[in-house]
Amino acid sequence: MQLIEYVPARARLDELTMGVVMPLKEKRMGGVSRGGHSKVPAVTLGFWIIKIAATTLGETGGDAVSMSLNLGYAVSSVLFIGLFVVAVAAQIAVRSFHPFLYWLVVIATTTAGTTMADFADRSLGIGYAGGTAILFALLMAALGTWYRSAGSVSVDTVSSPKIEMFYWVAILFSQTLGTALGDWMADTGLGYEGGALVFGAGLAVVAAAYFFSNVSRTLLFWSAFILTRPLGATVGDFLDKPVADGGLAISRFSVSALLALFMVACIFIFRQRADRQTPSDA
């Protein structure tokens, strides 16, 4: 006679439930570990300090190649766009966040933005107003395409190569737009110091809105991102432009080297970590 082991119904139900739920739970947890972090850094105070240094370096570095080396805006733009393409391809190819690679791409956008804006404003004769309008339209088109694809333009959505490309194109246009804004403001009579104060005040307003209002965090991020570029541009021009033009006439190569060293130090001091993927408001 064969004995049949009695298993309580509750125990059988628990076993069945665990057999179904546990694999699903492990699958969800695996998705979090693989996709819970992006390849862009968390937006912290350290992020903005390094960003302003990178934009200033972009101005002095771009001017060093186009003016000091006398390559001109067109040739310099081609060189820096080539650097941007190579750097962003490497950034998209890697599987995790690498601070030095990320900031190399940002520097590539700032240097390319410097020479591209100067080429449009000066070589093509479009002028500051025309160049700014065109670049603003390009930035809005890039953000609009990103929004239609992902339903948001928040950095929280940067989790695939396609969205990452939207992110970097938007950054390239925002950096170029910021250069044009900085040059326009400085040439209106405010000078480099006055322009820097204006954009610094704009950033203070954005910061106040972040801490004391419910304004969209995505809108505030892109506002701050754009404003840091003309701030860096006016500071960079103040450092390296001739004394007769209101600058300090410091060597562009020396200033660029010091800024690069400062960025490296900041990357070590402000430990960069990947941004955690969280729901965003826009």
Foldseek 3Di string as FASTA:
>chain_A
DDDDDDDDPVRVVVVVCCVPVVVVVVVVVVCCVQQQFFQDWDDDPLVLVLLLLLLLLLQLVLCCVCPVVVPHLVVSLVVLVVQLVVLLVVSQPDRHHDVVSVSSNLSSLNNNLQSVLCCVQPVVVCHLVSSLVVLVVQLVVLQVVLCVVQVDLAPLSRRHSVSSVSVSSNLSSLLNSLNSVLVVVCVVPCHLVNSLVVLVVVLVVLVCCVVPHDPFPRVSVSSNSSSSNSNSNSVSCQDCPDVVRNHPNDRSVVSSVVSVVVSVVSCVVVPTDTDGNDDGDD
